[in-house]
Amino acid sequence: MGLLWFFLVWSTVLLVWHVPNSTAKTNIKKKKPNILFVVMDDLGSHDLGRHGSGIHTHHIDQLATDGVYLDNYYVLPYCSPTRAALLSGRYPLHTGVHIVVPVDSVLSLPLEEQTLAQIMRDGGYKAHAVGKWHIGHANWKMTPTFRGFETFFGFYIGGEDYFTHRNGAGYDLRWDKEEYCGDGCSQLPDERGNYSTQVFTREAIRVIHRHSSNNNKKKQQQIDEEDPLFLYLAYQAVHDPDQVPEEYRAPYENVTGWDARRITYAGMLTAADQGIAQVIEALQETGMWDDTVVVFTTDNGGPTDVCAIQGSSNFPKRGGKCTLYDGGTTGDGFISGPALTSHWAVPTGSDRTYANLFHAVDWLPTLAAAVGVTPNGQPLDGVSHLYAFQNGMEELYGPPAPMRALKNKKIASAPPRQEVFVGYSFYDHSGGQWYGPAIRYHHWKLIQGHSGGPEHAHTPPPKGTSTPAPGGDVNATYLLFDLSNDPNETRDVAREHPHVVALLMGRLQEYQKHYVGPPPNTDPSCPFPGLRNHSKFGKVWTPWCGGTSSRSSTYGDDDDTKWVPWCDGAKEVRIYT
């Protein structure tokens, strides 16, 4: 019946996520499962093949079908805020990471935040990261191996060329080969000419084989306890620039109605799908797959016009990346893998869906609960959904506080989450303005002020295209949507429901009391000195705060360690989001 049916009946009936297998909790394995945490970049909510997009994503689709698909999954409108939320369990409202981290910025996920990687390590996991970081790199302490990961292979900044691995004049591809790997340890592997999706897939496979080998050595030494693996795999795909090897693009070249951008984008997504399949194959080859849980998430909606024009589609949702509409703040998320049932007693079946509201901040407490670790950092905004995953949940959606109507109803438990702080949007077509905030409460969604971006970016696009159609309500003081009757946010009903506006404005004011604004991008005590000279790569992006850089194998014996301007003449560095 799908998402549309769900919204249409949401406000008037009880929706029960049934548990078909009453014996799901029997014979549960005590061994902690491996966790593969996959993050896609700029994936549109209508791009996976399971949505009828025409793009071949068979392996991702099968994972979603075999697991628990999140029907109401919220992220932030753009990259860095979502990644910070995933790894901290806290809204940007409390971490200050409201915007994308520029390449020359001192902004980062605050160092006092406990990360998901640190929690996994507290649970006995070996934590490794591959791919995109983008939550701070000015100081080595902001980089992955100082934030709980034992190794990192990828890039620190927001984006770069898929083949040259350069942003502007600077090269950025790192192998941080051990914990606390900073200057003198961090290496620059030469992958020039190699497509990043394939590079990151290869590295993820290498991590898996190395981890399996270490566990096999333990067996040979008659050490009973094996270490579980936590692998954070954050692909660059399908972020711009639109680049893909020809063999992935070719199958789509004759699709009727697709422009060159959509064709290339489809190839990029298919390449990532095949990469995920290869990673799973490596888990199978090493005997680790049966003990693995897979988490899959996007970082924001597809960019359809506001931040960038790309081949993505959020049809039929309104808006896209950098907007507060659901086209920018919802997307694909699911949890899957054989160990979901065998280790965590979560029933799975054919295309099982989960109707509760779920936000990116919820992954940390959910996984922490599953592996038996109590977070001991800052207070979390996320909530655990483990019990609801395991036991099912009766939910009531409709007017708030309907207790009189429930006196004859048996309610197993309250839903884990009844509201989502959707966030802010900093972007508009003239640049630099803040819009929002926005909140979703049950089936209501309120956006305060302009929702981000030019007017024509905000109504549902025609099916099969990435081009939005015109809209006319973006200058309203408030936008209120009844998602039970209008799931695609086409009609503002604020004037018809002033009491709901007042209620949600009151909730936003409560959030505002704890608001932490974005810190300055610059620090007078640590100005950005420019790109660093390198004997092999010419110029490289590298951390610059926290001490003088040393001569080391990181940069080559003939490196003079001079800093150079970060622009080549009049050519600007592309600031990827």
Protein backbone atom coordinates (compact mmCIF):
# COMPACT_ATOMS: atom_id res chain seq x y z
CA MET A 1 0.00 0.00 0.00
CA GLY A 2 3.00 2.24 0.53
CA LEU A 3 3.75 5.55 2.17
CA LEU A 4 0.80 7.44 0.71
CA TRP A 5 -1.73 5.03 2.22
CA PHE A 6 0.05 5.30 5.54
CA PHE A 7 -0.29 9.07 5.67
CA LEU A 8 -3.92 9.07 4.54
CA VAL A 9 -5.06 6.93 7.44
CA TRP A 10 -2.57 8.22 9.97
CA SER A 11 -4.74 10.68 11.85
CA THR A 12 -7.75 8.46 12.48
CA VAL A 13 -6.71 4.87 13.03
CA LEU A 14 -4.33 2.80 15.08
CA LEU A 15 -1.47 1.44 13.04
CA VAL A 16 0.12 -1.70 14.39
CA TRP A 17 3.49 -2.99 13.26
CA HIS A 18 2.77 -6.68 13.72
CA VAL A 19 5.34 -9.18 14.90
CA PRO A 20 4.74 -12.33 12.87
CA ASN A 21 7.22 -14.50 14.69
CA SER A 22 6.40 -14.93 18.36
CA THR A 23 9.46 -17.11 18.83
CA ALA A 24 11.85 -14.46 17.56
CA LYS A 25 13.51 -14.17 20.97
CA THR A 26 14.36 -17.84 21.28
CA ASN A 27 17.86 -19.09 20.59
CA ILE A 28 19.32 -15.57 20.50
CA LYS A 29 23.08 -15.52 20.06
CA LYS A 30 24.97 -13.83 22.89
CA LYS A 31 27.87 -12.90 20.64
CA LYS A 32 27.81 -9.24 19.61
CA PRO A 33 27.25 -8.85 15.87
CA ASN A 34 29.37 -6.93 13.43
CA ILE A 35 27.82 -3.62 12.35
CA LEU A 36 28.19 -2.22 8.84
CA PHE A 37 27.02 1.42 8.90
CA VAL A 38 26.58 2.76 5.34
CA VAL A 39 26.08 6.48 4.70
CA MET A 40 25.10 7.71 1.25
CA ASP A 41 25.66 11.33 0.22
CA ASP A 42 22.85 13.39 -1.37
CA LEU A 43 20.66 10.39 -2.16
CA GLY A 44 17.24 11.49 -3.41
CA SER A 45 14.22 9.89 -1.78
CA HIS A 46 12.95 8.63 -5.17
CA ASP A 47 16.27 7.29 -6.45
CA LEU A 48 16.49 3.72 -5.21
CA GLY A 49 15.05 1.15 -7.58
CA ARG A 50 12.54 0.03 -4.95
CA HIS A 51 10.73 3.35 -5.42
CA GLY A 52 10.25 2.80 -9.15
CA SER A 53 13.05 5.12 -10.22
CA GLY A 54 14.38 2.86 -12.97
CA ILE A 55 17.86 2.92 -11.41
CA HIS A 56 19.45 -0.47 -10.77
CA THR A 57 20.04 -0.74 -7.02
CA HIS A 58 19.17 -4.39 -6.61
CA HIS A 59 21.48 -5.07 -3.67
CA ILE A 60 20.41 -2.07 -1.58
CA ASP A 61 16.79 -2.84 -2.41
CA GLN A 62 17.18 -6.43 -1.25
CA LEU A 63 18.73 -5.31 2.03
CA ALA A 64 15.78 -2.98 2.61
CA THR A 65 13.29 -5.73 1.77
CA ASP A 66 14.99 -8.22 4.08
CA GLY A 67 15.24 -5.78 6.98
CA VAL A 68 13.16 -3.06 8.62
CA TYR A 69 12.57 -0.02 6.41
CA LEU A 70 11.95 3.32 8.15
CA ASP A 71 8.84 4.93 6.69
CA ASN A 72 9.26 8.22 8.55
CA TYR A 73 13.01 8.76 8.63
CA TYR A 74 14.33 12.29 9.21
CA VAL A 75 17.79 13.67 8.65
CA LEU A 76 19.13 17.24 8.48
CA PRO A 77 18.93 19.41 5.34
CA TYR A 78 22.61 19.01 4.52
CA CYS A 79 25.75 17.05 5.08
CA SER A 80 27.82 17.99 8.13
CA PRO A 81 24.83 18.46 10.48
CA THR A 82 23.53 14.96 9.71
CA ARG A 83 26.95 13.34 10.09
CA ALA A 84 27.43 15.11 13.41
CA ALA A 85 23.96 13.96 14.48
CA LEU A 86 24.63 10.34 13.47
CA LEU A 87 27.87 10.22 15.40
CA SER A 88 26.79 12.18 18.50
CA GLY A 89 23.09 11.39 18.96
CA ARG A 90 22.48 15.13 19.34
CA TYR A 91 20.74 17.77 17.28
CA PRO A 92 22.76 20.62 15.72
CA LEU A 93 20.69 22.71 18.12
CA HIS A 94 23.03 21.43 20.86
CA THR A 95 26.31 20.77 19.03
CA GLY A 96 26.44 23.97 16.97
CA VAL A 97 27.06 22.06 13.72
CA HIS A 98 24.26 23.76 11.78
CA ILE A 99 26.15 24.26 8.53
CA VAL A 100 28.49 22.38 6.26
CA VAL A 101 32.09 22.61 7.44
CA PRO A 102 34.04 24.77 4.95
CA VAL A 103 37.50 23.61 3.94
CA ASP A 104 39.20 26.51 5.74
CA SER A 105 37.02 26.44 8.87
CA VAL A 106 37.81 25.62 12.49
CA LEU A 107 34.25 24.35 12.95
CA SER A 108 33.88 20.74 14.11
CA LEU A 109 31.76 18.40 16.15
CA PRO A 110 32.80 19.58 19.64
CA LEU A 111 35.56 17.46 21.12
CA GLU A 112 33.58 16.87 24.31
CA GLU A 113 30.89 15.00 22.36
CA GLN A 114 30.99 11.24 22.82
CA THR A 115 30.86 9.61 19.41
CA LEU A 116 29.19 6.45 18.19
CA ALA A 117 32.64 5.03 17.48
CA GLN A 118 33.68 5.57 21.10
CA ILE A 119 30.51 3.87 22.30
CA MET A 120 31.16 0.92 20.01
CA ARG A 121 34.70 0.62 21.34
CA ASP A 122 33.34 0.70 24.89
CA GLY A 123 31.22 -2.26 23.80
CA GLY A 124 34.27 -4.22 22.69
CA TYR A 125 34.13 -3.33 18.99
CA LYS A 126 36.99 -2.61 16.62
CA ALA A 127 35.85 0.61 14.95
CA HIS A 128 37.07 1.65 11.50
CA ALA A 129 35.96 4.44 9.18
CA VAL A 130 36.15 4.60 5.39
CA GLY A 131 35.07 7.45 3.11
CA LYS A 132 33.86 10.97 3.83
CA TRP A 133 34.39 12.66 7.22
CA HIS A 134 33.33 16.34 6.95
CA ILE A 135 32.75 17.19 10.61
CA GLY A 136 36.00 19.02 11.24
CA HIS A 137 39.67 18.79 10.33
CA ALA A 138 41.39 22.03 11.40
CA ASN A 139 43.07 20.21 14.28
CA TRP A 140 44.20 16.58 14.25
CA LYS A 141 42.06 16.05 17.36
CA MET A 142 38.99 16.62 15.18
CA THR A 143 39.88 13.78 12.81
CA PRO A 144 38.50 10.21 12.98
CA THR A 145 41.26 8.35 14.82
CA PHE A 146 41.04 10.89 17.64
CA ARG A 147 37.23 10.41 17.81
CA GLY A 148 37.05 6.68 18.49
CA PHE A 149 38.03 5.05 15.20
CA GLU A 150 41.13 2.86 15.10
CA THR A 151 41.80 3.59 11.44
CA PHE A 152 40.49 5.92 8.76
CA PHE A 153 40.80 5.83 4.99
CA GLY A 154 39.09 8.66 3.14
CA PHE A 155 38.91 12.43 2.91
CA TYR A 156 38.39 15.02 5.61
CA ILE A 157 36.70 17.77 3.61
CA GLY A 158 33.24 18.03 2.07
CA GLY A 159 33.81 16.86 -1.48
CA GLU A 160 36.28 16.51 -4.30
CA ASP A 161 36.84 15.09 -7.76
CA TYR A 162 36.04 11.36 -7.84
CA PHE A 163 39.17 10.54 -9.86
CA THR A 164 41.81 13.13 -8.90
CA HIS A 165 40.71 13.38 -5.25
CA ARG A 166 41.32 17.11 -5.32
CA ASN A 167 39.20 20.01 -4.15
CA GLY A 168 40.46 23.05 -6.01
CA ALA A 169 44.23 22.82 -5.97
CA GLY A 170 44.49 20.51 -2.98
CA TYR A 171 44.68 16.72 -2.75
CA ASP A 172 42.80 15.08 0.14
CA LEU A 173 42.89 11.32 0.51
CA ARG A 174 44.15 9.97 3.82
CA TRP A 175 45.12 6.73 5.40
CA ASP A 176 45.24 7.22 9.16
CA LYS A 177 46.59 3.81 9.97
CA GLU A 178 46.32 3.71 13.75
CA GLU A 179 44.66 5.34 16.73
CA TYR A 180 45.60 9.01 17.33
CA CYS A 181 47.19 9.15 13.90
CA GLY A 182 48.22 12.74 13.27
CA ASP A 183 51.12 14.53 11.65
CA GLY A 184 53.94 12.06 11.16
CA CYS A 185 51.51 9.14 10.98
CA SER A 186 48.77 10.10 8.53
CA GLN A 187 49.66 9.02 5.01
CA LEU A 188 48.53 10.17 1.58
CA PRO A 189 47.86 7.10 -0.60
CA ASP A 190 48.16 7.73 -4.31
CA GLU A 191 44.79 6.84 -5.83
CA ARG A 192 44.86 9.37 -8.65
CA GLY A 193 42.84 8.05 -11.57
CA ASN A 194 40.89 5.58 -9.44
CA TYR A 195 37.16 6.15 -8.88
CA SER A 196 36.43 6.92 -5.23
CA THR A 197 33.46 4.54 -4.89
CA GLN A 198 35.69 1.68 -5.99
CA VAL A 199 38.57 2.92 -3.83
CA PHE A 200 36.41 3.03 -0.71
CA THR A 201 34.85 -0.35 -1.49
CA ARG A 202 38.32 -1.86 -1.85
CA GLU A 203 39.43 -0.36 1.45
CA ALA A 204 36.29 -1.57 3.26
CA ILE A 205 37.00 -5.08 1.96
CA ARG A 206 40.59 -4.80 3.16
CA VAL A 207 39.38 -3.79 6.64
CA ILE A 208 37.06 -6.81 6.71
CA HIS A 209 39.77 -9.27 5.67
CA ARG A 210 42.26 -7.79 8.13
CA HIS A 211 39.70 -7.99 10.93
CA SER A 212 38.87 -11.60 10.06
CA SER A 213 42.56 -12.48 9.99
CA ASN A 214 43.07 -10.99 13.45
CA ASN A 215 40.15 -12.99 14.82
CA ASN A 216 41.52 -16.16 13.23
CA LYS A 217 44.83 -15.55 14.99
CA LYS A 218 42.91 -15.37 18.25
CA LYS A 219 41.32 -18.73 17.51
CA GLN A 220 44.74 -20.23 16.83
CA GLN A 221 45.89 -18.86 20.18
CA GLN A 222 42.78 -20.45 21.75
CA ILE A 223 41.36 -17.08 22.75
CA ASP A 224 37.61 -17.58 22.88
CA GLU A 225 36.43 -13.98 22.65
CA GLU A 226 36.38 -12.61 19.09
CA ASP A 227 36.23 -8.88 18.46
CA PRO A 228 33.13 -7.64 16.61
CA LEU A 229 33.64 -5.13 13.80
CA PHE A 230 32.05 -1.69 13.53
CA LEU A 231 32.66 -0.41 9.99
CA TYR A 232 31.49 3.11 9.15
CA LEU A 233 31.38 3.28 5.34
CA ALA A 234 30.53 6.79 4.14
CA TYR A 235 30.57 6.83 0.35
CA GLN A 236 31.24 10.02 -1.57
CA ALA A 237 28.47 8.94 -3.93
CA VAL A 238 26.14 10.33 -5.09
CA HIS A 239 27.37 13.85 -4.30
CA ASP A 240 28.46 16.12 -7.12
CA PRO A 241 30.56 16.38 -9.25
CA ASP A 242 28.64 14.12 -11.63
CA GLN A 243 31.31 11.56 -12.49
CA VAL A 244 31.26 7.81 -13.08
CA PRO A 245 33.14 5.24 -15.17
CA GLU A 246 31.48 4.75 -18.54
CA GLU A 247 30.50 1.13 -17.89
CA TYR A 248 28.08 2.28 -15.17
CA ARG A 249 26.64 5.10 -17.24
CA ALA A 250 26.14 3.13 -20.45
CA PRO A 251 23.04 1.10 -19.40
CA TYR A 252 21.04 4.31 -18.95
CA GLU A 253 22.01 6.26 -22.07
CA ASN A 254 18.85 5.42 -23.98
CA VAL A 255 16.32 5.87 -21.17
CA THR A 256 13.49 8.01 -22.51
CA GLY A 257 13.17 11.40 -20.86
CA TRP A 258 16.43 11.33 -18.93
CA ASP A 259 18.94 14.13 -19.41
CA ALA A 260 22.71 13.69 -19.21
CA ARG A 261 22.74 14.62 -15.55
CA ARG A 262 20.19 11.96 -14.59
CA ILE A 263 21.98 9.34 -16.68
CA THR A 264 25.30 10.00 -14.96
CA TYR A 265 23.67 10.13 -11.55
CA ALA A 266 22.04 6.75 -12.16
CA GLY A 267 25.41 5.27 -13.01
CA MET A 268 26.94 6.72 -9.84
CA LEU A 269 24.23 5.16 -7.71
CA THR A 270 24.53 1.79 -9.43
CA ALA A 271 28.29 1.85 -8.84
CA ALA A 272 27.66 2.39 -5.13
CA ASP A 273 25.10 -0.42 -5.10
CA GLN A 274 27.64 -2.79 -6.61
CA GLY A 275 30.22 -1.60 -4.10
CA ILE A 276 27.92 -2.48 -1.21
CA ALA A 277 27.35 -5.89 -2.78
CA GLN A 278 31.11 -6.46 -2.91
CA VAL A 279 31.47 -5.49 0.75
CA ILE A 280 28.75 -7.98 1.70
CA GLU A 281 30.46 -10.63 -0.43
CA ALA A 282 33.65 -10.04 1.57
CA LEU A 283 31.69 -10.51 4.80
CA GLN A 284 30.34 -13.77 3.39
CA GLU A 285 33.76 -14.99 2.26
CA THR A 286 35.22 -14.41 5.72
CA GLY A 287 32.31 -16.09 7.49
CA MET A 288 31.26 -12.82 9.12
CA TRP A 289 28.00 -12.14 7.27
CA ASP A 290 25.71 -14.31 9.39
CA ASP A 291 26.82 -12.27 12.40
CA THR A 292 26.32 -8.84 10.79
CA VAL A 293 23.77 -6.03 11.11
CA VAL A 294 23.60 -3.40 8.35
CA VAL A 295 22.47 0.20 8.89
CA PHE A 296 21.79 2.29 5.78
CA THR A 297 21.12 6.03 5.72
CA THR A 298 21.29 9.07 3.51
CA ASP A 299 22.67 12.35 4.87
CA ASN A 300 19.98 14.59 3.33
CA GLY A 301 17.52 14.75 0.49
CA GLY A 302 18.63 14.97 -3.11
CA PRO A 303 19.80 18.36 -4.41
CA THR A 304 17.22 19.41 -6.98
CA ASP A 305 18.03 23.12 -7.34
CA VAL A 306 18.88 24.96 -4.14
CA CYS A 307 22.41 23.90 -3.18
CA ALA A 308 23.23 22.25 -6.48
CA ILE A 309 21.50 20.94 -9.56
CA GLN A 310 22.05 17.22 -9.81
CA GLY A 311 20.30 14.22 -11.29
CA SER A 312 18.51 13.26 -8.09
CA SER A 313 14.76 13.11 -7.56
CA ASN A 314 12.69 13.40 -4.39
CA PHE A 315 9.38 12.79 -6.17
CA PRO A 316 6.71 13.22 -4.96
CA LYS A 317 8.09 15.11 -1.99
CA ARG A 318 8.40 18.86 -1.98
CA GLY A 319 11.83 20.49 -1.74
CA GLY A 320 15.34 19.14 -1.70
CA LYS A 321 18.70 19.45 -0.04
CA CYS A 322 19.11 22.67 1.98
CA THR A 323 15.35 23.08 2.44
CA LEU A 324 13.19 22.25 5.43
CA TYR A 325 10.55 20.49 3.35
CA ASP A 326 10.50 16.70 3.54
CA GLY A 327 12.32 16.52 0.22
CA GLY A 328 15.35 17.90 2.05
CA THR A 329 14.93 16.37 5.49
CA THR A 330 13.67 12.83 4.90
CA GLY A 331 15.12 9.95 2.95
CA ASP A 332 16.00 6.29 2.85
CA GLY A 333 16.96 4.59 6.08
CA PHE A 334 16.76 0.99 7.19
CA ILE A 335 18.35 -1.67 9.36
CA SER A 336 18.98 -5.15 7.98
CA GLY A 337 21.31 -8.14 7.99
CA PRO A 338 21.09 -11.74 9.26
CA ALA A 339 22.12 -10.82 12.82
CA LEU A 340 19.19 -8.45 13.24
CA THR A 341 17.01 -11.40 14.22
CA SER A 342 19.58 -13.95 15.39
CA HIS A 343 21.41 -11.54 17.72
CA TRP A 344 18.95 -8.72 18.50
CA ALA A 345 15.60 -10.52 18.27
CA VAL A 346 14.25 -8.07 15.71
CA PRO A 347 11.64 -9.77 13.49
CA THR A 348 12.19 -9.29 9.78
CA GLY A 349 10.21 -10.34 6.77
CA SER A 350 9.29 -9.38 3.27
CA ASP A 351 9.51 -5.60 2.99
CA ARG A 352 8.78 -4.94 6.67
CA THR A 353 8.29 -1.26 7.46
CA TYR A 354 8.48 0.74 10.68
CA ALA A 355 6.00 3.60 10.95
CA ASN A 356 7.30 5.47 14.00
CA LEU A 357 9.11 8.75 13.58
CA PHE A 358 12.85 8.06 13.51
CA HIS A 359 15.60 10.69 13.37
CA ALA A 360 19.29 10.37 12.55
CA VAL A 361 20.10 11.17 16.20
CA ASP A 362 18.31 7.94 17.17
CA TRP A 363 20.90 5.60 15.68
CA LEU A 364 23.41 6.17 18.47
CA PRO A 365 21.11 5.32 21.41
CA THR A 366 19.49 2.48 19.47
CA LEU A 367 22.80 0.82 18.65
CA ALA A 368 24.19 1.56 22.12
CA ALA A 369 21.22 -0.23 23.68
CA ALA A 370 21.66 -3.15 21.29
CA VAL A 371 25.32 -3.66 22.23
CA GLY A 372 24.77 -3.07 25.94
CA VAL A 373 26.55 0.26 26.39
CA THR A 374 25.15 3.20 28.33
CA PRO A 375 26.31 6.51 26.78
CA ASN A 376 28.05 8.68 29.36
CA GLY A 377 28.61 11.86 27.37
CA GLN A 378 26.36 14.86 26.82
CA PRO A 379 22.56 14.43 27.23
CA LEU A 380 21.20 12.83 24.08
CA ASP A 381 18.46 14.08 21.79
CA GLY A 382 18.13 10.63 20.29
CA VAL A 383 15.99 7.84 21.69
CA SER A 384 16.39 4.09 21.40
CA HIS A 385 13.98 2.23 19.12
CA LEU A 386 15.34 -1.21 20.00
CA TYR A 387 12.31 -2.27 22.06
CA ALA A 388 9.91 -1.11 19.35
CA PHE A 389 11.97 -2.91 16.70
CA GLN A 390 11.84 -6.09 18.76
CA ASN A 391 8.27 -6.04 20.01
CA GLY A 392 6.22 -3.98 17.61
CA MET A 393 4.41 -0.85 18.64
CA GLU A 394 0.81 0.29 18.66
CA GLU A 395 0.69 3.92 17.68
CA LEU A 396 -1.92 6.61 17.86
CA TYR A 397 -1.66 9.61 15.57
CA GLY A 398 -4.09 12.46 15.76
CA PRO A 399 -4.77 15.41 18.06
CA PRO A 400 -2.44 15.66 21.07
CA ALA A 401 -3.39 14.14 24.43
CA PRO A 402 -6.36 12.01 23.31
CA MET A 403 -6.55 10.20 26.65
CA ARG A 404 -10.36 10.15 26.91
CA ALA A 405 -10.56 8.33 23.60
CA LEU A 406 -8.12 5.71 24.84
CA LYS A 407 -9.90 4.55 27.98
CA ASN A 408 -11.10 1.39 26.25
CA LYS A 409 -7.96 0.89 24.18
CA LYS A 410 -5.07 -1.30 25.17
CA ILE A 411 -1.85 0.52 24.33
CA ALA A 412 1.31 -1.54 24.70
CA SER A 413 3.61 1.45 25.07
CA ALA A 414 4.07 4.99 23.87
CA PRO A 415 5.97 5.38 20.59
CA PRO A 416 9.68 6.04 21.17
CA ARG A 417 9.39 9.42 19.46
CA GLN A 418 6.39 11.69 18.91
CA GLU A 419 8.14 14.74 17.52
CA VAL A 420 11.19 15.66 15.50
CA PHE A 421 13.06 18.94 15.60
CA VAL A 422 13.59 19.29 11.86
CA GLY A 423 16.20 22.03 12.18
CA TYR A 424 17.23 25.19 10.40
CA SER A 425 18.17 26.00 6.83
CA PHE A 426 20.98 28.48 6.31
CA TYR A 427 20.71 28.73 2.54
CA ASP A 428 18.88 31.00 0.15
CA HIS A 429 19.49 31.92 -3.45
CA SER A 430 21.23 35.17 -2.48
CA GLY A 431 23.31 33.38 0.15
CA GLY A 432 23.82 33.42 3.87
CA GLN A 433 20.35 33.83 5.40
CA TRP A 434 18.84 31.62 8.07
CA TYR A 435 15.37 30.17 7.83
CA GLY A 436 13.25 28.10 10.14
CA PRO A 437 13.24 26.47 12.54
CA ALA A 438 10.88 23.63 11.70
CA ILE A 439 9.26 20.90 13.75
CA ARG A 440 7.17 17.81 13.15
CA TYR A 441 4.74 16.72 15.85
CA HIS A 442 2.64 13.62 15.13
CA HIS A 443 1.14 14.34 11.69
CA TRP A 444 1.65 18.11 11.85
CA LYS A 445 4.67 19.93 10.48
CA LEU A 446 5.40 23.61 11.07
CA ILE A 447 8.05 25.66 9.30
CA GLN A 448 8.63 29.12 10.74
CA GLY A 449 9.50 31.68 8.10
CA HIS A 450 10.96 31.11 4.66
CA SER A 451 11.92 27.47 4.25
CA GLY A 452 15.14 27.98 2.33
CA GLY A 453 16.04 28.44 -1.30
CA PRO A 454 14.39 30.06 -4.29
CA GLU A 455 10.63 29.87 -4.68
CA HIS A 456 10.60 27.44 -7.58
CA ALA A 457 12.41 24.74 -5.61
CA HIS A 458 9.58 23.79 -3.37
CA THR A 459 6.69 21.97 -4.92
CA PRO A 460 6.71 18.32 -5.95
CA PRO A 461 8.61 17.83 -9.20
CA PRO A 462 7.03 16.16 -12.22
CA LYS A 463 7.44 12.39 -12.03
CA GLY A 464 10.66 11.07 -13.49
CA THR A 465 12.46 14.42 -13.44
CA SER A 466 14.70 16.29 -11.06
CA THR A 467 13.26 19.69 -11.97
CA PRO A 468 10.89 21.22 -9.38
CA ALA A 469 7.67 22.97 -10.33
CA PRO A 470 6.67 26.49 -9.19
CA GLY A 471 5.20 27.21 -5.79
CA GLY A 472 3.69 30.29 -4.21
CA ASP A 473 3.67 30.13 -0.42
CA VAL A 474 7.35 30.43 0.49
CA ASN A 475 7.11 33.94 1.93
CA ALA A 476 4.54 32.99 4.56
CA THR A 477 5.35 33.74 8.21
CA TYR A 478 4.40 30.18 9.10
CA LEU A 479 3.83 27.10 7.01
CA LEU A 480 1.71 24.38 8.59
CA PHE A 481 1.13 21.07 6.85
CA ASP A 482 -1.24 18.26 7.78
CA LEU A 483 0.80 15.29 6.58
CA SER A 484 -2.03 12.84 7.18
CA ASN A 485 -4.00 14.46 4.34
CA ASP A 486 -1.19 16.21 2.49
CA PRO A 487 1.98 14.08 2.71
CA ASN A 488 3.79 16.14 0.06
CA GLU A 489 3.34 19.54 1.75
CA THR A 490 1.41 21.19 -1.05
CA ARG A 491 -1.12 23.17 1.01
CA ASP A 492 -0.40 25.53 3.91
CA VAL A 493 -3.18 25.21 6.53
CA ALA A 494 -1.78 27.59 9.16
CA ARG A 495 -4.77 29.95 8.99
CA GLU A 496 -7.18 27.06 9.44
CA HIS A 497 -5.46 25.69 12.55
CA PRO A 498 -4.12 28.60 14.64
CA HIS A 499 -4.24 26.47 17.79
CA VAL A 500 -1.84 23.96 16.22
CA VAL A 501 0.48 26.78 15.15
CA ALA A 502 0.46 28.10 18.72
CA LEU A 503 1.17 24.64 20.13
CA LEU A 504 4.10 23.98 17.81
CA MET A 505 5.50 27.48 18.24
CA GLY A 506 5.51 26.78 21.96
CA ARG A 507 7.52 23.62 21.35
CA LEU A 508 9.98 25.52 19.17
CA GLN A 509 10.41 28.13 21.88
CA GLU A 510 11.33 25.35 24.31
CA TYR A 511 14.00 24.14 21.90
CA GLN A 512 15.24 27.69 21.43
CA LYS A 513 16.04 27.94 25.14
CA HIS A 514 18.87 25.46 24.60
CA TYR A 515 20.04 26.73 21.23
CA VAL A 516 23.78 26.66 20.55
CA GLY A 517 24.62 28.76 17.53
CA PRO A 518 27.33 27.92 15.01
CA PRO A 519 30.73 29.09 16.23
CA PRO A 520 32.82 31.39 14.02
CA ASN A 521 34.46 29.71 11.05
CA THR A 522 37.76 31.39 11.87
CA ASP A 523 39.92 31.55 14.98
CA PRO A 524 42.31 34.52 15.30
CA SER A 525 44.72 32.32 17.23
CA CYS A 526 44.80 29.81 14.39
CA PRO A 527 44.26 31.45 11.00
CA PHE A 528 44.08 29.23 7.95
CA PRO A 529 47.55 29.42 6.36
CA GLY A 530 46.66 27.97 2.97
CA LEU A 531 47.35 24.66 1.29
CA ARG A 532 50.50 22.78 2.13
CA ASN A 533 53.23 22.04 -0.40
CA HIS A 534 53.91 18.41 -1.11
CA SER A 535 56.65 16.93 -3.25
CA LYS A 536 54.37 14.33 -4.85
CA PHE A 537 50.88 15.84 -4.93
CA GLY A 538 51.77 19.50 -5.32
CA LYS A 539 49.40 20.85 -2.68
CA VAL A 540 47.37 19.08 -0.02
CA TRP A 541 44.64 19.82 2.47
CA THR A 542 45.82 19.10 5.99
CA PRO A 543 45.03 20.12 9.59
CA TRP A 544 46.77 23.33 10.57
CA CYS A 545 45.89 24.08 14.20
CA GLY A 546 47.51 22.70 17.31
CA GLY A 547 51.24 23.00 16.79
CA THR A 548 53.86 23.29 14.09
CA SER A 549 53.77 20.61 11.42
CA SER A 550 56.72 18.25 11.51
CA ARG A 551 58.80 16.88 8.68
CA SER A 552 57.71 13.29 8.33
CA SER A 553 56.95 10.41 6.03
CA THR A 554 53.49 11.92 5.70
CA TYR A 555 54.78 14.56 3.32
CA GLY A 556 58.02 13.13 1.95
CA ASP A 557 61.63 13.78 2.89
CA ASP A 558 61.99 16.62 0.39
CA ASP A 559 58.89 18.45 1.59
CA ASP A 560 59.80 21.99 2.61
CA THR A 561 56.57 22.26 4.72
CA LYS A 562 55.77 25.67 3.26
CA TRP A 563 52.17 26.82 3.21
CA VAL A 564 50.82 28.24 -0.01
CA PRO A 565 47.73 30.28 -0.89
CA TRP A 566 44.66 28.09 -1.12
CA CYS A 567 43.52 29.56 -4.41
CA ASP A 568 45.39 29.28 -7.71
CA GLY A 569 45.37 32.77 -9.10
CA ALA A 570 41.79 33.75 -9.80
CA LYS A 571 40.51 30.19 -9.57
CA GLU A 572 38.32 29.70 -6.50
CA VAL A 573 38.32 26.53 -4.50
CA ARG A 574 34.97 24.77 -4.85
CA ILE A 575 33.34 24.63 -1.43
CA TYR A 576 31.41 21.37 -1.53
CA THR A 577 28.39 20.91 0.70
